[in-house]
Amino acid sequence: MATGKNIVIFGATGRTGLATLGQALEEGYTVTVLVRDRARLPAQHQPARVVLGDARDPAAVAEAVRGQDAVIILLGTRNDLTFLLWDLQKVPPRLVPVTEDHIRMHRILQDSGLDCVYVMPPHIADDQPLTGDYTVTVGASGGSRVISTHDLGHFLLRCLHTSCYDGKSVYVSRDYSKD
């Protein structure tokens, strides 16, 4: 659980990143972002600090996390990769190396002693609203196969105020058809 209001967002120019950035700014967080292209940040969502660089560059990452109370990582591929923590026998052969790397990174975080939450979202939909009403399942997938970018961002920011999910893998979903 973060105790301060200084956060850095990696992936802030992606779909979920932009939704999370907007909500963080509205909630009064002092936000730093690490981006490759400042022009991809919309005028209405300007963070307090922009670090230009690549998330694969240790120096850029070190500069971005300096002075932060929390880190939100929203790096993705824009593809549905929900299989990444499946049994390796269920992963398409060409994606086994990516999956093995994802599992390795997950274990490194688990062993790091850091307070972190492993959010395993289903399909992330940018055409659904912010509801603040979603299901959080610990250690397993939930009933629905979708979460909106806005609700996912909401949950990530909510994690900064509670330690109940620290060290756990969680699945966040919602059935938007009931709206």
Protein backbone atom coordinates (compact mmCIF):
# COMPACT_ATOMS: atom_id res chain seq x y z
CA MET A 1 0.00 0.00 0.00
CA ALA A 2 1.33 3.42 -0.95
CA THR A 3 1.33 6.04 1.76
CA GLY A 4 1.99 9.09 -0.40
CA LYS A 5 0.54 10.75 -3.45
CA ASN A 6 3.56 10.57 -5.80
CA ILE A 7 3.09 7.88 -8.43
CA VAL A 8 4.72 6.95 -11.70
CA ILE A 9 2.80 5.30 -14.52
CA PHE A 10 4.56 3.19 -17.14
CA GLY A 11 2.38 2.75 -20.22
CA ALA A 12 0.52 6.02 -19.67
CA THR A 13 -0.13 6.58 -23.38
CA GLY A 14 -1.90 3.27 -23.91
CA ARG A 15 -5.64 2.71 -23.57
CA THR A 16 -5.65 1.71 -19.90
CA GLY A 17 -2.77 4.04 -19.15
CA LEU A 18 -4.66 7.09 -20.39
CA ALA A 19 -7.75 6.11 -18.38
CA THR A 20 -5.63 5.58 -15.25
CA LEU A 21 -3.68 8.80 -15.79
CA GLY A 22 -6.87 10.83 -16.05
CA GLN A 23 -8.34 9.32 -12.90
CA ALA A 24 -5.08 9.74 -10.97
CA LEU A 25 -4.91 13.42 -11.88
CA GLU A 26 -8.57 13.91 -10.92
CA GLU A 27 -7.87 12.26 -7.54
CA GLY A 28 -5.01 14.68 -6.88
CA TYR A 29 -2.03 12.40 -7.37
CA THR A 30 1.26 13.96 -8.41
CA VAL A 31 1.93 11.84 -11.48
CA THR A 32 5.17 11.15 -13.31
CA VAL A 33 5.10 9.24 -16.59
CA LEU A 34 7.81 7.55 -18.62
CA VAL A 35 6.96 7.92 -22.31
CA ARG A 36 8.77 7.61 -25.61
CA ASP A 37 6.70 10.37 -27.23
CA ARG A 38 5.38 13.30 -25.19
CA ALA A 39 3.00 14.20 -28.04
CA ARG A 40 0.92 11.09 -27.27
CA LEU A 41 -0.17 12.63 -23.94
CA PRO A 42 -3.49 14.45 -24.40
CA ALA A 43 -3.63 18.12 -23.43
CA GLN A 44 -6.29 17.47 -20.78
CA HIS A 45 -4.13 14.87 -19.00
CA GLN A 46 -0.78 16.51 -18.35
CA PRO A 47 1.24 14.87 -15.57
CA ALA A 48 3.43 16.84 -13.17
CA ARG A 49 6.56 15.28 -14.65
CA VAL A 50 7.35 13.62 -17.96
CA VAL A 51 10.45 11.48 -18.35
CA LEU A 52 11.27 10.81 -21.98
CA GLY A 53 12.71 7.37 -22.55
CA ASP A 54 12.05 3.69 -22.93
CA ALA A 55 10.89 1.28 -20.23
CA ARG A 56 13.70 -1.06 -21.31
CA ASP A 57 16.34 1.55 -20.41
CA PRO A 58 17.43 1.14 -16.76
CA ALA A 59 18.58 4.78 -16.50
CA ALA A 60 15.22 6.11 -17.73
CA VAL A 61 13.35 3.81 -15.35
CA ALA A 62 15.55 4.86 -12.42
CA GLU A 63 14.87 8.53 -13.20
CA ALA A 64 11.13 7.90 -13.46
CA VAL A 65 10.84 6.04 -10.13
CA ARG A 66 13.03 8.50 -8.20
CA GLY A 67 10.95 10.04 -5.40
CA GLN A 68 7.84 7.97 -6.06
CA ASP A 69 5.59 6.37 -3.48
CA ALA A 70 4.09 3.87 -5.93
CA VAL A 71 4.55 2.49 -9.42
CA ILE A 72 1.76 1.44 -11.80
CA ILE A 73 2.92 -0.63 -14.77
CA LEU A 74 0.51 -0.83 -17.70
CA LEU A 75 2.82 -2.01 -20.43
CA GLY A 76 1.09 -4.23 -22.93
CA THR A 77 0.77 -5.36 -26.50
CA ARG A 78 -2.81 -4.29 -27.27
CA ASN A 79 -3.53 -7.99 -27.74
CA ASP A 80 -5.40 -10.44 -25.54
CA LEU A 81 -2.61 -12.31 -23.78
CA THR A 82 -4.65 -13.86 -20.99
CA PHE A 83 -2.86 -17.15 -21.60
CA LEU A 84 0.42 -15.80 -20.20
CA LEU A 85 0.04 -17.56 -16.86
CA TRP A 86 -1.62 -20.69 -18.20
CA ASP A 87 -0.07 -24.07 -17.98
CA LEU A 88 2.77 -23.89 -20.52
CA GLN A 89 1.27 -26.87 -22.36
CA LYS A 90 -1.75 -24.68 -23.27
CA VAL A 91 0.31 -21.82 -24.69
CA PRO A 92 0.75 -21.59 -28.48
CA PRO A 93 4.29 -22.84 -29.24
CA ARG A 94 5.48 -19.56 -30.78
CA LEU A 95 4.53 -17.72 -27.57
CA VAL A 96 6.16 -20.08 -25.07
CA PRO A 97 9.30 -17.89 -24.72
CA VAL A 98 7.17 -14.79 -23.96
CA THR A 99 5.15 -16.75 -21.43
CA GLU A 100 8.26 -18.15 -19.75
CA ASP A 101 9.67 -14.62 -19.49
CA HIS A 102 6.40 -13.35 -18.01
CA ILE A 103 6.43 -16.13 -15.41
CA ARG A 104 10.09 -15.35 -14.60
CA MET A 105 9.29 -11.66 -14.04
CA HIS A 106 6.30 -12.59 -11.87
CA ARG A 107 8.55 -14.74 -9.68
CA ILE A 108 11.16 -11.97 -9.39
CA LEU A 109 8.48 -9.59 -8.14
CA GLN A 110 7.16 -12.19 -5.70
CA ASP A 111 10.66 -12.73 -4.30
CA SER A 112 11.51 -9.00 -4.17
CA GLY A 113 9.71 -8.25 -0.92
CA LEU A 114 8.01 -5.28 -2.54
CA ASP A 115 4.36 -4.55 -1.83
CA CYS A 116 2.85 -5.30 -5.20
CA VAL A 117 -0.38 -6.57 -6.68
CA TYR A 118 -0.40 -8.81 -9.75
CA VAL A 119 -3.48 -7.80 -11.72
CA MET A 120 -4.47 -10.33 -14.37
CA PRO A 121 -7.21 -8.64 -16.37
CA PRO A 122 -9.36 -10.42 -18.93
CA HIS A 123 -10.21 -8.66 -22.20
CA ILE A 124 -9.77 -4.92 -21.60
CA ALA A 125 -12.54 -2.95 -23.30
CA ASP A 126 -12.21 0.75 -24.04
CA ASP A 127 -15.87 1.02 -25.11
CA GLN A 128 -17.25 0.39 -21.62
CA PRO A 129 -17.74 3.01 -18.87
CA LEU A 130 -16.22 3.64 -15.47
CA THR A 131 -18.59 2.04 -12.98
CA GLY A 132 -16.41 1.46 -9.92
CA ASP A 133 -18.48 -1.72 -9.53
CA TYR A 134 -16.54 -4.82 -10.52
CA THR A 135 -15.63 -8.23 -9.18
CA VAL A 136 -12.17 -8.88 -7.75
CA THR A 137 -11.21 -12.54 -7.51
CA VAL A 138 -7.99 -13.54 -5.74
CA GLY A 139 -5.95 -16.41 -7.12
CA ALA A 140 -8.35 -17.42 -9.90
CA SER A 141 -10.28 -16.00 -12.82
CA GLY A 142 -13.72 -14.54 -12.17
CA GLY A 143 -17.06 -14.98 -13.86
CA SER A 144 -16.87 -12.32 -16.56
CA ARG A 145 -14.33 -12.12 -19.37
CA VAL A 146 -14.12 -8.31 -19.64
CA ILE A 147 -13.12 -5.19 -17.72
CA SER A 148 -13.21 -1.61 -18.99
CA THR A 149 -10.03 0.45 -19.22
CA HIS A 150 -11.68 2.88 -16.80
CA ASP A 151 -12.66 0.27 -14.20
CA LEU A 152 -9.23 -1.36 -14.43
CA GLY A 153 -7.59 2.04 -13.82
CA HIS A 154 -9.99 2.59 -10.91
CA PHE A 155 -8.96 -0.71 -9.35
CA LEU A 156 -5.24 0.00 -9.78
CA LEU A 157 -5.61 3.33 -7.98
CA ARG A 158 -7.74 1.64 -5.31
CA CYS A 159 -4.82 -0.73 -4.64
CA LEU A 160 -2.77 2.27 -3.54
CA HIS A 161 -5.09 2.70 -0.53
CA THR A 162 -5.23 -0.88 0.73
CA SER A 163 -2.82 -3.68 1.46
CA CYS A 164 -5.43 -6.44 1.18
CA TYR A 165 -4.21 -7.42 -2.31
CA ASP A 166 -0.45 -7.07 -1.67
CA GLY A 167 1.44 -10.13 -2.85
CA LYS A 168 -1.62 -11.61 -4.51
CA SER A 169 -2.66 -12.32 -8.07
CA VAL A 170 -6.08 -10.83 -8.72
CA TYR A 171 -8.56 -11.00 -11.57
CA VAL A 172 -10.77 -7.94 -12.07
CA SER A 173 -13.90 -8.25 -14.21
CA ARG A 174 -17.44 -7.01 -14.71
CA ASP A 175 -20.52 -8.00 -16.65
CA TYR A 176 -21.38 -4.81 -18.56
CA SER A 177 -24.41 -6.36 -20.26
CA LYS A 178 -26.48 -5.73 -17.11
CA ASP A 179 -26.26 -1.95 -17.61
